[in-house]
Every structure is written in structure tokens, then in C-alpha cells.
Amino acid sequence: MAAFDFGRKLDQGTVDALVGREYHLDMKSAITGGWTLFKAHSGEFIGFTIILFLVSAISSLFSNAGSLIVSAVFSPLSAGFLIATFRILAGKEFHFNDLFSGFNHFLPLLLAGLATGCLVAAGFVLLIVPGIYFMVSYLFASAIVLDYGVEFWQAMEISRRLVGKHWFRLFGFMVLLVLINLLGLLALGIGMLVSIPVTSCALAVAYRGIVGEHDGAW
């Protein structure tokens, strides 16, 4: 997929089959899976997380322009954890440069990130609850863009329909991931070099368990 393609649109039959799957989210298995993946590739994941920190730190020096830079690159960059997890779970070779493959889906990932951010922000203005709803509902939007090469809005809608089947359980899972990262932050911030990749991989493991195996363009 070219970086500036909008992505394709899945036919209705494929969408219905995807969102019609019944699933059970095993939070413990997802977290354990994320930890196992991190241990096996800790050097690559820690190095990549340091790069994310550096990008955020450098961008913050440029005021409003810095915010735009972060918005433009954060979604494709953070997608690296998803790509790494997908490749490892599929038994494919994984190299450090694979963590930057999110830029092959730059435009749909950027648009999904921006649209989600705007909806969540607007939702928090409207008495907070709508913001939480959107934040959880679009949890898998980036993963679906990567897995199926679809355009951002359809990816967001598929995510919303998937999550909606067990919204409260996925809300609990998201809270658990946030708490793990808070523990990493309390460990002088250094712990986030571990917590961020572990929780990101755990999210990808959970997603794969929900939608099943799929040989995507990652």
C-alpha cells in the first residue's frame, strides 16, 4: 500500500462476517502475550520506544507546529508495535525496521488518529462520558487499517461495531492498560520503556484474538 493512498473499502459481506464474529476477551492472556513478546524482542522495543519519546520531546519545542508534527507522525509510528506483534504472531521474520512500516499506511492512519482525537475531545467537552465511549470504541481502528488496508472511516466503524459487542469488558481492558502505564510512569518514567511496548503488544494480541488470523499488508 502506498503511503498516501486513502485505503480500500471492504464489501458489506466481508464487513458483516468480520463484525459478526463472537469472541471472548481474555485480558490475562493478552497481557501475558504482550509481556512474552516484549521479553523476546526487548532490545528492539525499548529502542523504538526511546525514538517515540525523542520525537515527542523534539516536537514539543516547536509550540503549535510541534503539536501538528506529533499528530502527523504519532499514529504511523505507534502502529509499529501492532505491526511487530502481527508479524511475530504470524511466524514471520521481524526486524527493527519493521517497526516503521506504519508509514506505508501513513494517510489512513493519520486520518484515523485525527478523527478519533477530535471525536474524543468533543466527547469530553460533552460531559466526559461520550469521550470515553469514543476512546474505547475506536480502540482497534489502527489495527484494522493495517490488517485490511481499509480507509480510515470504515476502519473506525468496524472497530466501533466490534468493540460494541463487549464494550464494558474492553473498557476494563483499556483501564488496565492505562494503569500499567501509570505504574511505568511512577517508576521514574523509565518503567514506561517497558510498559508502553508491553501494553501496545497486549492490545495487538487482544485484537488478533478477536478478529482471528489474517495475512494483512504489514
N, C-alpha and C. Protein backbone atom coordinates (compact mmCIF):
# COMPACT_ATOMS: atom_id res chain seq x y z
N MET A 1 0.85 -1.20 0.00
CA MET A 1 0.00 0.00 0.00
C MET A 1 0.88 1.24 0.00
N ALA A 2 0.59 2.20 -0.89
CA ALA A 2 1.35 3.44 -0.93
C ALA A 2 0.97 4.32 0.26
N ALA A 3 1.96 5.07 0.75
CA ALA A 3 1.77 5.84 1.98
C ALA A 3 0.60 6.81 1.90
N PHE A 4 0.34 7.38 0.71
CA PHE A 4 -0.69 8.40 0.60
C PHE A 4 -1.96 7.90 -0.08
N ASP A 5 -2.12 6.57 -0.16
CA ASP A 5 -3.41 6.01 -0.58
C ASP A 5 -4.41 6.17 0.57
N PHE A 6 -5.65 6.42 0.24
CA PHE A 6 -6.68 6.52 1.27
C PHE A 6 -7.07 5.16 1.83
N GLY A 7 -6.74 4.11 1.09
CA GLY A 7 -7.14 2.77 1.50
C GLY A 7 -8.37 2.31 0.74
N ARG A 8 -8.63 1.01 0.78
CA ARG A 8 -9.76 0.47 0.04
C ARG A 8 -11.00 0.40 0.93
N LYS A 9 -12.11 0.03 0.34
CA LYS A 9 -13.35 -0.13 1.07
C LYS A 9 -13.77 -1.60 0.99
N LEU A 10 -13.96 -2.21 2.14
CA LEU A 10 -14.37 -3.61 2.17
C LEU A 10 -15.83 -3.74 1.75
N ASP A 11 -16.13 -4.84 1.05
CA ASP A 11 -17.52 -5.08 0.68
C ASP A 11 -18.33 -5.44 1.92
N GLN A 12 -19.64 -5.26 1.84
CA GLN A 12 -20.50 -5.41 3.00
C GLN A 12 -20.46 -6.83 3.57
N GLY A 13 -20.33 -7.83 2.69
CA GLY A 13 -20.28 -9.22 3.14
C GLY A 13 -19.07 -9.47 4.04
N THR A 14 -17.93 -8.93 3.63
CA THR A 14 -16.71 -9.09 4.43
C THR A 14 -16.84 -8.38 5.77
N VAL A 15 -17.41 -7.18 5.74
CA VAL A 15 -17.61 -6.43 6.98
C VAL A 15 -18.53 -7.18 7.92
N ASP A 16 -19.64 -7.68 7.40
CA ASP A 16 -20.61 -8.39 8.23
C ASP A 16 -20.00 -9.66 8.84
N ALA A 17 -19.19 -10.36 8.04
CA ALA A 17 -18.54 -11.56 8.55
C ALA A 17 -17.54 -11.22 9.66
N LEU A 18 -16.86 -10.09 9.48
CA LEU A 18 -15.86 -9.67 10.46
C LEU A 18 -16.50 -9.25 11.77
N VAL A 19 -17.50 -8.39 11.69
CA VAL A 19 -18.11 -7.89 12.93
C VAL A 19 -19.11 -8.88 13.51
N GLY A 20 -19.47 -9.90 12.73
CA GLY A 20 -20.41 -10.90 13.24
C GLY A 20 -19.76 -11.97 14.08
N ARG A 21 -18.44 -11.97 14.15
CA ARG A 21 -17.74 -12.96 14.95
C ARG A 21 -18.05 -12.78 16.44
N GLU A 22 -18.31 -13.90 17.10
CA GLU A 22 -18.45 -13.83 18.55
C GLU A 22 -17.07 -14.06 19.16
N TYR A 23 -16.79 -13.42 20.26
CA TYR A 23 -15.46 -13.54 20.86
C TYR A 23 -15.53 -13.36 22.37
N HIS A 24 -14.48 -13.82 23.00
CA HIS A 24 -14.31 -13.61 24.44
C HIS A 24 -12.93 -13.01 24.65
N LEU A 25 -12.89 -11.85 25.27
CA LEU A 25 -11.61 -11.19 25.52
C LEU A 25 -11.01 -11.73 26.82
N ASP A 26 -9.87 -12.39 26.69
CA ASP A 26 -9.14 -12.90 27.85
C ASP A 26 -8.05 -11.88 28.18
N MET A 27 -8.32 -11.00 29.13
CA MET A 27 -7.37 -9.93 29.45
C MET A 27 -6.03 -10.47 29.93
N LYS A 28 -6.08 -11.50 30.78
CA LYS A 28 -4.84 -12.05 31.32
C LYS A 28 -3.96 -12.61 30.21
N SER A 29 -4.57 -13.32 29.27
CA SER A 29 -3.79 -13.89 28.16
C SER A 29 -3.21 -12.79 27.28
N ALA A 30 -3.97 -11.71 27.08
CA ALA A 30 -3.49 -10.60 26.26
C ALA A 30 -2.28 -9.94 26.91
N ILE A 31 -2.37 -9.67 28.22
CA ILE A 31 -1.25 -9.04 28.93
C ILE A 31 -0.04 -9.97 28.96
N THR A 32 -0.29 -11.23 29.24
CA THR A 32 0.80 -12.22 29.25
C THR A 32 1.45 -12.32 27.88
N GLY A 33 0.63 -12.32 26.84
CA GLY A 33 1.16 -12.37 25.48
C GLY A 33 1.99 -11.16 25.16
N GLY A 34 1.53 -9.97 25.58
CA GLY A 34 2.31 -8.75 25.37
C GLY A 34 3.65 -8.80 26.07
N TRP A 35 3.66 -9.32 27.29
CA TRP A 35 4.90 -9.43 28.07
C TRP A 35 5.86 -10.42 27.43
N THR A 36 5.32 -11.55 26.95
CA THR A 36 6.15 -12.56 26.30
C THR A 36 6.81 -12.02 25.04
N LEU A 37 6.03 -11.29 24.24
CA LEU A 37 6.58 -10.69 23.02
C LEU A 37 7.65 -9.66 23.36
N PHE A 38 7.40 -8.87 24.39
CA PHE A 38 8.38 -7.86 24.80
C PHE A 38 9.69 -8.52 25.22
N LYS A 39 9.62 -9.55 26.04
CA LYS A 39 10.84 -10.22 26.52
C LYS A 39 11.66 -10.79 25.36
N ALA A 40 10.96 -11.32 24.36
CA ALA A 40 11.66 -11.94 23.23
C ALA A 40 12.35 -10.91 22.34
N HIS A 41 11.87 -9.66 22.36
CA HIS A 41 12.42 -8.62 21.48
C HIS A 41 12.58 -7.31 22.25
N SER A 42 13.06 -7.40 23.47
CA SER A 42 13.13 -6.22 24.35
C SER A 42 14.03 -5.13 23.78
N GLY A 43 15.14 -5.51 23.17
CA GLY A 43 16.06 -4.51 22.62
C GLY A 43 15.40 -3.65 21.56
N GLU A 44 14.72 -4.31 20.62
CA GLU A 44 14.05 -3.57 19.54
C GLU A 44 12.94 -2.68 20.09
N PHE A 45 12.14 -3.24 21.02
CA PHE A 45 11.00 -2.48 21.54
C PHE A 45 11.44 -1.29 22.39
N ILE A 46 12.45 -1.48 23.21
CA ILE A 46 12.94 -0.37 24.04
C ILE A 46 13.55 0.72 23.15
N GLY A 47 14.34 0.30 22.18
CA GLY A 47 14.95 1.27 21.26
C GLY A 47 13.89 2.07 20.51
N PHE A 48 12.83 1.40 20.07
CA PHE A 48 11.76 2.08 19.34
C PHE A 48 10.99 3.03 20.26
N THR A 49 10.78 2.62 21.52
CA THR A 49 10.08 3.49 22.47
C THR A 49 10.89 4.74 22.76
N ILE A 50 12.20 4.61 22.83
CA ILE A 50 13.07 5.78 23.02
C ILE A 50 12.91 6.75 21.85
N ILE A 51 12.81 6.21 20.65
CA ILE A 51 12.61 7.07 19.47
C ILE A 51 11.28 7.82 19.59
N LEU A 52 10.23 7.14 20.05
CA LEU A 52 8.93 7.80 20.25
C LEU A 52 9.06 8.94 21.25
N PHE A 53 9.78 8.70 22.34
CA PHE A 53 9.99 9.75 23.34
C PHE A 53 10.74 10.94 22.75
N LEU A 54 11.76 10.64 21.96
CA LEU A 54 12.57 11.72 21.37
C LEU A 54 11.75 12.54 20.39
N VAL A 55 10.92 11.89 19.59
CA VAL A 55 10.07 12.61 18.64
C VAL A 55 9.13 13.54 19.38
N SER A 56 8.52 13.04 20.46
CA SER A 56 7.60 13.86 21.24
C SER A 56 8.32 15.03 21.89
N ALA A 57 9.53 14.76 22.43
CA ALA A 57 10.28 15.81 23.11
C ALA A 57 10.72 16.89 22.13
N ILE A 58 11.22 16.51 20.98
CA ILE A 58 11.67 17.48 19.99
C ILE A 58 10.50 18.29 19.46
N SER A 59 9.37 17.60 19.18
CA SER A 59 8.20 18.29 18.63
C SER A 59 7.65 19.30 19.62
N SER A 60 7.74 19.01 20.92
CA SER A 60 7.19 19.92 21.93
C SER A 60 7.93 21.25 21.98
N LEU A 61 9.13 21.30 21.41
CA LEU A 61 9.91 22.53 21.41
C LEU A 61 9.38 23.54 20.40
N PHE A 62 8.48 23.11 19.53
CA PHE A 62 8.03 23.96 18.44
C PHE A 62 6.59 24.44 18.59
N SER A 63 6.11 24.52 19.82
CA SER A 63 4.79 25.08 20.12
C SER A 63 3.71 24.41 19.28
N ASN A 64 2.85 25.21 18.64
CA ASN A 64 1.74 24.65 17.87
C ASN A 64 2.22 23.79 16.71
N ALA A 65 3.30 24.19 16.10
CA ALA A 65 3.85 23.39 15.00
C ALA A 65 4.25 22.01 15.50
N GLY A 66 4.78 21.98 16.72
CA GLY A 66 5.17 20.70 17.30
C GLY A 66 3.98 19.78 17.48
N SER A 67 2.85 20.34 17.88
CA SER A 67 1.64 19.54 18.04
C SER A 67 1.21 18.93 16.71
N LEU A 68 1.34 19.72 15.65
CA LEU A 68 0.97 19.22 14.33
C LEU A 68 1.91 18.08 13.89
N ILE A 69 3.17 18.24 14.20
CA ILE A 69 4.14 17.20 13.85
C ILE A 69 3.83 15.91 14.58
N VAL A 70 3.56 16.04 15.90
CA VAL A 70 3.23 14.86 16.70
C VAL A 70 2.00 14.17 16.13
N SER A 71 0.97 14.95 15.80
CA SER A 71 -0.26 14.38 15.24
C SER A 71 0.01 13.67 13.93
N ALA A 72 0.91 14.23 13.13
CA ALA A 72 1.19 13.67 11.81
C ALA A 72 1.96 12.36 11.88
N VAL A 73 2.85 12.24 12.85
CA VAL A 73 3.73 11.07 12.86
C VAL A 73 3.39 10.06 13.95
N PHE A 74 2.61 10.46 14.96
CA PHE A 74 2.43 9.55 16.10
C PHE A 74 1.65 8.29 15.73
N SER A 75 0.55 8.44 14.98
CA SER A 75 -0.24 7.26 14.63
C SER A 75 0.55 6.26 13.78
N PRO A 76 1.22 6.70 12.70
CA PRO A 76 2.04 5.75 11.94
C PRO A 76 3.18 5.15 12.75
N LEU A 77 3.79 5.97 13.63
CA LEU A 77 4.88 5.46 14.44
C LEU A 77 4.39 4.42 15.45
N SER A 78 3.38 4.78 16.21
CA SER A 78 2.88 3.87 17.24
C SER A 78 2.33 2.59 16.65
N ALA A 79 1.92 2.63 15.38
CA ALA A 79 1.44 1.43 14.71
C ALA A 79 2.55 0.39 14.57
N GLY A 80 3.78 0.81 14.76
CA GLY A 80 4.89 -0.14 14.68
C GLY A 80 4.77 -1.29 15.65
N PHE A 81 4.24 -1.02 16.84
CA PHE A 81 4.05 -2.09 17.83
C PHE A 81 3.04 -3.11 17.32
N LEU A 82 1.97 -2.63 16.68
CA LEU A 82 0.96 -3.54 16.13
C LEU A 82 1.56 -4.40 15.03
N ILE A 83 2.31 -3.76 14.14
CA ILE A 83 2.91 -4.49 13.02
C ILE A 83 3.87 -5.56 13.53
N ALA A 84 4.70 -5.19 14.50
CA ALA A 84 5.65 -6.16 15.06
C ALA A 84 4.91 -7.35 15.64
N THR A 85 3.86 -7.08 16.40
CA THR A 85 3.10 -8.16 17.02
C THR A 85 2.45 -9.05 15.97
N PHE A 86 1.85 -8.44 14.96
CA PHE A 86 1.21 -9.23 13.90
C PHE A 86 2.21 -10.14 13.21
N ARG A 87 3.39 -9.60 12.91
CA ARG A 87 4.41 -10.39 12.21
C ARG A 87 4.89 -11.55 13.08
N ILE A 88 5.14 -11.28 14.34
CA ILE A 88 5.64 -12.32 15.23
C ILE A 88 4.59 -13.40 15.43
N LEU A 89 3.34 -13.01 15.67
CA LEU A 89 2.28 -13.99 15.88
C LEU A 89 2.04 -14.83 14.63
N ALA A 90 2.29 -14.25 13.45
CA ALA A 90 2.10 -14.98 12.20
C ALA A 90 3.31 -15.84 11.84
N GLY A 91 4.34 -15.81 12.68
CA GLY A 91 5.53 -16.61 12.43
C GLY A 91 6.43 -16.05 11.34
N LYS A 92 6.29 -14.75 11.06
CA LYS A 92 7.12 -14.11 10.04
C LYS A 92 8.37 -13.51 10.68
N GLU A 93 9.37 -13.26 9.86
CA GLU A 93 10.58 -12.62 10.36
C GLU A 93 10.27 -11.21 10.82
N PHE A 94 10.92 -10.80 11.89
CA PHE A 94 10.72 -9.47 12.42
C PHE A 94 12.07 -8.78 12.57
N HIS A 95 12.18 -7.60 11.97
CA HIS A 95 13.39 -6.79 12.06
C HIS A 95 13.04 -5.41 12.60
N PHE A 96 14.02 -4.72 13.13
CA PHE A 96 13.79 -3.42 13.74
C PHE A 96 13.11 -2.45 12.78
N ASN A 97 13.51 -2.47 11.51
CA ASN A 97 12.92 -1.53 10.55
C ASN A 97 11.44 -1.79 10.28
N ASP A 98 10.95 -3.00 10.65
CA ASP A 98 9.51 -3.28 10.50
C ASP A 98 8.67 -2.37 11.39
N LEU A 99 9.27 -1.88 12.47
CA LEU A 99 8.55 -1.00 13.39
C LEU A 99 8.16 0.34 12.75
N PHE A 100 8.79 0.64 11.63
CA PHE A 100 8.49 1.90 10.94
C PHE A 100 7.57 1.68 9.73
N SER A 101 7.07 0.46 9.57
CA SER A 101 6.24 0.14 8.40
C SER A 101 4.87 0.79 8.45
N GLY A 102 4.51 1.39 9.59
CA GLY A 102 3.25 2.10 9.66
C GLY A 102 3.18 3.24 8.67
N PHE A 103 4.35 3.75 8.25
CA PHE A 103 4.36 4.85 7.28
C PHE A 103 3.93 4.40 5.90
N ASN A 104 3.87 3.07 5.67
CA ASN A 104 3.30 2.57 4.42
C ASN A 104 1.79 2.79 4.37
N HIS A 105 1.20 3.07 5.54
CA HIS A 105 -0.24 3.34 5.65
C HIS A 105 -0.44 4.74 6.23
N PHE A 106 0.45 5.65 5.89
CA PHE A 106 0.51 6.95 6.55
C PHE A 106 -0.83 7.68 6.56
N LEU A 107 -1.44 7.84 5.39
CA LEU A 107 -2.64 8.69 5.30
C LEU A 107 -3.83 8.12 6.07
N PRO A 108 -4.21 6.85 5.88
CA PRO A 108 -5.36 6.35 6.65
C PRO A 108 -5.10 6.31 8.15
N LEU A 109 -3.87 6.01 8.57
CA LEU A 109 -3.55 6.01 9.99
C LEU A 109 -3.61 7.42 10.56
N LEU A 110 -3.08 8.39 9.80
CA LEU A 110 -3.14 9.78 10.23
C LEU A 110 -4.58 10.24 10.38
N LEU A 111 -5.41 9.96 9.36
CA LEU A 111 -6.80 10.40 9.39
C LEU A 111 -7.59 9.72 10.50
N ALA A 112 -7.32 8.43 10.72
CA ALA A 112 -7.99 7.71 11.81
C ALA A 112 -7.60 8.31 13.15
N GLY A 113 -6.31 8.63 13.31
CA GLY A 113 -5.84 9.23 14.56
C GLY A 113 -6.45 10.60 14.79
N LEU A 114 -6.48 11.42 13.75
CA LEU A 114 -7.04 12.77 13.88
C LEU A 114 -8.54 12.73 14.14
N ALA A 115 -9.26 11.88 13.39
CA ALA A 115 -10.71 11.80 13.57
C ALA A 115 -11.07 11.28 14.96
N THR A 116 -10.35 10.26 15.41
CA THR A 116 -10.59 9.73 16.75
C THR A 116 -10.29 10.79 17.81
N GLY A 117 -9.17 11.48 17.64
CA GLY A 117 -8.80 12.52 18.60
C GLY A 117 -9.84 13.62 18.68
N CYS A 118 -10.36 14.05 17.53
CA CYS A 118 -11.38 15.10 17.51
C CYS A 118 -12.68 14.65 18.17
N LEU A 119 -13.10 13.41 17.87
CA LEU A 119 -14.33 12.90 18.45
C LEU A 119 -14.20 12.71 19.95
N VAL A 120 -13.05 12.20 20.38
CA VAL A 120 -12.83 12.01 21.82
C VAL A 120 -12.81 13.35 22.54
N ALA A 121 -12.10 14.33 21.95
CA ALA A 121 -12.03 15.66 22.57
C ALA A 121 -13.42 16.29 22.66
N ALA A 122 -14.19 16.20 21.57
CA ALA A 122 -15.55 16.75 21.58
C ALA A 122 -16.41 16.02 22.61
N GLY A 123 -16.20 14.70 22.71
CA GLY A 123 -16.96 13.92 23.67
C GLY A 123 -16.68 14.29 25.10
N PHE A 124 -15.42 14.61 25.41
CA PHE A 124 -15.07 15.02 26.77
C PHE A 124 -15.66 16.38 27.10
N VAL A 125 -15.78 17.24 26.09
CA VAL A 125 -16.43 18.53 26.31
C VAL A 125 -17.91 18.31 26.66
N LEU A 126 -18.51 17.29 26.04
CA LEU A 126 -19.93 16.98 26.27
C LEU A 126 -20.07 16.02 27.46
N LEU A 127 -19.67 16.49 28.63
CA LEU A 127 -19.89 15.76 29.88
C LEU A 127 -19.08 14.47 30.02
N ILE A 128 -17.97 14.36 29.33
CA ILE A 128 -16.95 13.31 29.52
C ILE A 128 -17.37 11.93 29.00
N VAL A 129 -18.56 11.47 29.35
CA VAL A 129 -18.97 10.10 29.00
C VAL A 129 -18.87 9.82 27.50
N PRO A 130 -19.35 10.71 26.61
CA PRO A 130 -19.19 10.43 25.17
C PRO A 130 -17.73 10.28 24.76
N GLY A 131 -16.84 11.05 25.39
CA GLY A 131 -15.43 10.94 25.07
C GLY A 131 -14.88 9.58 25.42
N ILE A 132 -15.27 9.05 26.58
CA ILE A 132 -14.83 7.71 26.98
C ILE A 132 -15.39 6.66 26.01
N TYR A 133 -16.65 6.85 25.61
CA TYR A 133 -17.27 5.92 24.67
C TYR A 133 -16.47 5.86 23.36
N PHE A 134 -16.15 7.03 22.80
CA PHE A 134 -15.40 7.06 21.54
C PHE A 134 -14.00 6.47 21.72
N MET A 135 -13.35 6.79 22.84
CA MET A 135 -11.99 6.32 23.07
C MET A 135 -11.92 4.79 23.06
N VAL A 136 -12.90 4.15 23.68
CA VAL A 136 -12.93 2.69 23.72
C VAL A 136 -13.40 2.12 22.38
N SER A 137 -14.40 2.74 21.80
CA SER A 137 -14.99 2.21 20.56
C SER A 137 -14.00 2.16 19.41
N TYR A 138 -13.08 3.10 19.35
CA TYR A 138 -12.13 3.16 18.24
C TYR A 138 -10.76 2.57 18.61
N LEU A 139 -10.77 1.71 19.61
CA LEU A 139 -9.54 1.11 20.12
C LEU A 139 -8.77 0.34 19.04
N PHE A 140 -9.50 -0.28 18.10
CA PHE A 140 -8.87 -1.14 17.10
C PHE A 140 -8.82 -0.52 15.71
N ALA A 141 -9.10 0.77 15.60
CA ALA A 141 -9.15 1.40 14.27
C ALA A 141 -7.83 1.26 13.53
N SER A 142 -6.72 1.58 14.19
CA SER A 142 -5.41 1.49 13.52
C SER A 142 -5.08 0.05 13.14
N ALA A 143 -5.41 -0.89 14.01
CA ALA A 143 -5.14 -2.30 13.72
C ALA A 143 -5.91 -2.75 12.48
N ILE A 144 -7.13 -2.29 12.33
CA ILE A 144 -7.95 -2.68 11.17
C ILE A 144 -7.41 -2.04 9.89
N VAL A 145 -6.95 -0.79 9.97
CA VAL A 145 -6.30 -0.15 8.82
C VAL A 145 -5.13 -1.00 8.35
N LEU A 146 -4.29 -1.42 9.29
CA LEU A 146 -3.12 -2.21 8.96
C LEU A 146 -3.48 -3.60 8.43
N ASP A 147 -4.46 -4.22 9.07
CA ASP A 147 -4.80 -5.60 8.76
C ASP A 147 -5.51 -5.74 7.42
N TYR A 148 -6.38 -4.79 7.11
CA TYR A 148 -7.21 -4.92 5.92
C TYR A 148 -6.96 -3.84 4.87
N GLY A 149 -6.10 -2.87 5.17
CA GLY A 149 -5.79 -1.83 4.21
C GLY A 149 -6.98 -0.96 3.85
N VAL A 150 -7.90 -0.77 4.81
CA VAL A 150 -9.13 -0.04 4.51
C VAL A 150 -8.97 1.44 4.81
N GLU A 151 -9.90 2.23 4.29
CA GLU A 151 -9.89 3.66 4.55
C GLU A 151 -10.29 3.91 6.00
N PHE A 152 -9.92 5.09 6.51
CA PHE A 152 -9.97 5.33 7.95
C PHE A 152 -11.37 5.26 8.54
N TRP A 153 -12.39 5.79 7.84
CA TRP A 153 -13.71 5.84 8.46
C TRP A 153 -14.32 4.45 8.57
N GLN A 154 -14.13 3.63 7.54
CA GLN A 154 -14.65 2.26 7.63
C GLN A 154 -13.93 1.49 8.72
N ALA A 155 -12.62 1.71 8.87
CA ALA A 155 -11.88 1.06 9.94
C ALA A 155 -12.43 1.46 11.30
N MET A 156 -12.75 2.73 11.46
CA MET A 156 -13.30 3.21 12.73
C MET A 156 -14.67 2.60 13.00
N GLU A 157 -15.49 2.50 11.95
CA GLU A 157 -16.83 1.93 12.12
C GLU A 157 -16.77 0.43 12.45
N ILE A 158 -15.86 -0.29 11.79
CA ILE A 158 -15.70 -1.71 12.09
C ILE A 158 -15.24 -1.88 13.53
N SER A 159 -14.29 -1.05 13.96
CA SER A 159 -13.83 -1.10 15.34
C SER A 159 -14.98 -0.84 16.31
N ARG A 160 -15.78 0.17 16.01
CA ARG A 160 -16.90 0.52 16.89
C ARG A 160 -17.88 -0.64 17.01
N ARG A 161 -18.17 -1.29 15.90
CA ARG A 161 -19.12 -2.40 15.93
C ARG A 161 -18.54 -3.62 16.64
N LEU A 162 -17.26 -3.88 16.45
CA LEU A 162 -16.62 -5.00 17.15
C LEU A 162 -16.59 -4.75 18.66
N VAL A 163 -16.12 -3.57 19.03
CA VAL A 163 -16.00 -3.23 20.45
C VAL A 163 -17.37 -3.18 21.11
N GLY A 164 -18.38 -2.70 20.36
CA GLY A 164 -19.71 -2.55 20.91
C GLY A 164 -20.33 -3.84 21.40
N LYS A 165 -19.85 -4.98 20.91
CA LYS A 165 -20.40 -6.26 21.34
C LYS A 165 -20.03 -6.57 22.79
N HIS A 166 -18.87 -6.07 23.22
CA HIS A 166 -18.42 -6.29 24.61
C HIS A 166 -17.75 -5.01 25.11
N TRP A 167 -18.47 -3.89 24.96
CA TRP A 167 -17.88 -2.58 25.24
C TRP A 167 -17.34 -2.48 26.65
N PHE A 168 -18.07 -2.89 27.64
CA PHE A 168 -17.65 -2.70 29.03
C PHE A 168 -16.41 -3.53 29.37
N ARG A 169 -16.33 -4.72 28.79
CA ARG A 169 -15.12 -5.54 29.03
C ARG A 169 -13.90 -4.88 28.40
N LEU A 170 -14.07 -4.34 27.21
CA LEU A 170 -12.95 -3.66 26.56
C LEU A 170 -12.61 -2.34 27.26
N PHE A 171 -13.61 -1.70 27.84
CA PHE A 171 -13.34 -0.53 28.68
C PHE A 171 -12.46 -0.93 29.86
N GLY A 172 -12.79 -2.05 30.50
CA GLY A 172 -11.97 -2.55 31.60
C GLY A 172 -10.56 -2.87 31.16
N PHE A 173 -10.44 -3.43 29.95
CA PHE A 173 -9.12 -3.76 29.42
C PHE A 173 -8.31 -2.49 29.18
N MET A 174 -8.95 -1.47 28.62
CA MET A 174 -8.26 -0.21 28.38
C MET A 174 -7.80 0.41 29.70
N VAL A 175 -8.66 0.38 30.72
CA VAL A 175 -8.29 0.91 32.04
C VAL A 175 -7.08 0.15 32.58
N LEU A 176 -7.05 -1.17 32.41
CA LEU A 176 -5.92 -1.97 32.86
C LEU A 176 -4.64 -1.55 32.16
N LEU A 177 -4.70 -1.32 30.86
CA LEU A 177 -3.52 -0.89 30.11
C LEU A 177 -3.04 0.48 30.59
N VAL A 178 -3.97 1.38 30.87
CA VAL A 178 -3.62 2.70 31.39
C VAL A 178 -2.93 2.58 32.75
N LEU A 179 -3.46 1.72 33.61
CA LEU A 179 -2.88 1.54 34.94
C LEU A 179 -1.46 0.99 34.86
N ILE A 180 -1.24 0.07 33.93
CA ILE A 180 0.12 -0.48 33.75
C ILE A 180 1.09 0.63 33.33
N ASN A 181 0.63 1.51 32.45
CA ASN A 181 1.49 2.62 32.02
C ASN A 181 1.69 3.64 33.14
N LEU A 182 0.69 3.82 33.99
CA LEU A 182 0.86 4.70 35.15
C LEU A 182 1.92 4.15 36.09
N LEU A 183 1.93 2.85 36.27
CA LEU A 183 2.97 2.22 37.09
C LEU A 183 4.34 2.46 36.47
N GLY A 184 4.39 2.38 35.14
CA GLY A 184 5.65 2.66 34.45
C GLY A 184 6.09 4.09 34.65
N LEU A 185 5.13 5.00 34.64
CA LEU A 185 5.44 6.42 34.85
C LEU A 185 5.93 6.66 36.27
N LEU A 186 5.34 5.98 37.25
CA LEU A 186 5.74 6.15 38.64
C LEU A 186 7.16 5.63 38.89
N ALA A 187 7.59 4.70 38.06
CA ALA A 187 8.95 4.16 38.19
C ALA A 187 9.93 5.12 37.52
N LEU A 188 9.85 6.39 37.94
CA LEU A 188 10.72 7.46 37.43
C LEU A 188 10.61 7.64 35.92
N GLY A 189 9.52 7.16 35.35
CA GLY A 189 9.33 7.29 33.91
C GLY A 189 10.06 6.23 33.11
N ILE A 190 11.13 5.69 33.69
CA ILE A 190 11.92 4.68 32.97
C ILE A 190 11.10 3.43 32.73
N GLY A 191 10.20 3.15 33.66
CA GLY A 191 9.36 1.97 33.52
C GLY A 191 8.50 1.99 32.28
N MET A 192 8.28 3.19 31.72
CA MET A 192 7.47 3.28 30.51
C MET A 192 8.17 2.71 29.29
N LEU A 193 9.48 2.57 29.37
CA LEU A 193 10.21 1.90 28.29
C LEU A 193 9.80 0.44 28.19
N VAL A 194 9.26 -0.07 29.27
CA VAL A 194 8.74 -1.44 29.30
C VAL A 194 7.22 -1.44 29.15
N SER A 195 6.56 -0.57 29.91
CA SER A 195 5.09 -0.62 29.95
C SER A 195 4.45 -0.26 28.61
N ILE A 196 5.02 0.72 27.89
CA ILE A 196 4.42 1.12 26.62
C ILE A 196 4.45 -0.02 25.59
N PRO A 197 5.62 -0.65 25.34
CA PRO A 197 5.59 -1.76 24.39
C PRO A 197 4.78 -2.96 24.87
N VAL A 198 4.81 -3.25 26.18
CA VAL A 198 4.04 -4.38 26.69
C VAL A 198 2.54 -4.17 26.46
N THR A 199 2.05 -2.98 26.81
CA THR A 199 0.61 -2.72 26.65
C THR A 199 0.22 -2.60 25.18
N SER A 200 1.12 -2.05 24.36
CA SER A 200 0.82 -1.95 22.93
C SER A 200 0.74 -3.33 22.29
N CYS A 201 1.66 -4.21 22.66
CA CYS A 201 1.64 -5.58 22.15
C CYS A 201 0.42 -6.33 22.69
N ALA A 202 0.06 -6.07 23.95
CA ALA A 202 -1.12 -6.71 24.54
C ALA A 202 -2.38 -6.33 23.78
N LEU A 203 -2.47 -5.06 23.38
CA LEU A 203 -3.62 -4.60 22.60
C LEU A 203 -3.68 -5.34 21.27
N ALA A 204 -2.52 -5.52 20.63
CA ALA A 204 -2.48 -6.24 19.35
C ALA A 204 -2.83 -7.71 19.53
N VAL A 205 -2.38 -8.30 20.62
CA VAL A 205 -2.72 -9.71 20.91
C VAL A 205 -4.23 -9.85 21.12
N ALA A 206 -4.82 -8.90 21.86
CA ALA A 206 -6.26 -8.93 22.09
C ALA A 206 -7.02 -8.80 20.78
N TYR A 207 -6.58 -7.88 19.93
CA TYR A 207 -7.22 -7.68 18.63
C TYR A 207 -7.17 -8.95 17.80
N ARG A 208 -5.99 -9.58 17.75
CA ARG A 208 -5.84 -10.78 16.94
C ARG A 208 -6.75 -11.90 17.46
N GLY A 209 -6.90 -11.98 18.77
CA GLY A 209 -7.80 -12.98 19.33
C GLY A 209 -9.25 -12.71 18.98
N ILE A 210 -9.60 -11.45 18.78
CA ILE A 210 -10.98 -11.07 18.46
C ILE A 210 -11.31 -11.31 16.99
N VAL A 211 -10.44 -10.89 16.09
CA VAL A 211 -10.76 -10.98 14.66
C VAL A 211 -10.23 -12.25 14.00
N GLY A 212 -9.33 -12.96 14.66
CA GLY A 212 -8.76 -14.15 14.07
C GLY A 212 -7.56 -13.84 13.19
N GLU A 213 -6.97 -14.88 12.65
CA GLU A 213 -5.78 -14.71 11.82
C GLU A 213 -6.13 -14.06 10.50
N HIS A 214 -5.24 -13.18 10.06
CA HIS A 214 -5.44 -12.52 8.75
C HIS A 214 -4.08 -12.07 8.25
N ASP A 215 -3.77 -12.44 7.01
CA ASP A 215 -2.47 -12.09 6.43
C ASP A 215 -2.58 -10.72 5.78
N GLY A 216 -2.36 -9.68 6.58
CA GLY A 216 -2.51 -8.31 6.11
C GLY A 216 -1.30 -7.79 5.36
N ALA A 217 -1.35 -6.51 5.05
CA ALA A 217 -0.28 -5.85 4.28
C ALA A 217 0.76 -5.25 5.20
N TRP A 218 1.12 -5.97 6.24
CA TRP A 218 2.10 -5.48 7.19
C TRP A 218 3.38 -6.27 7.10
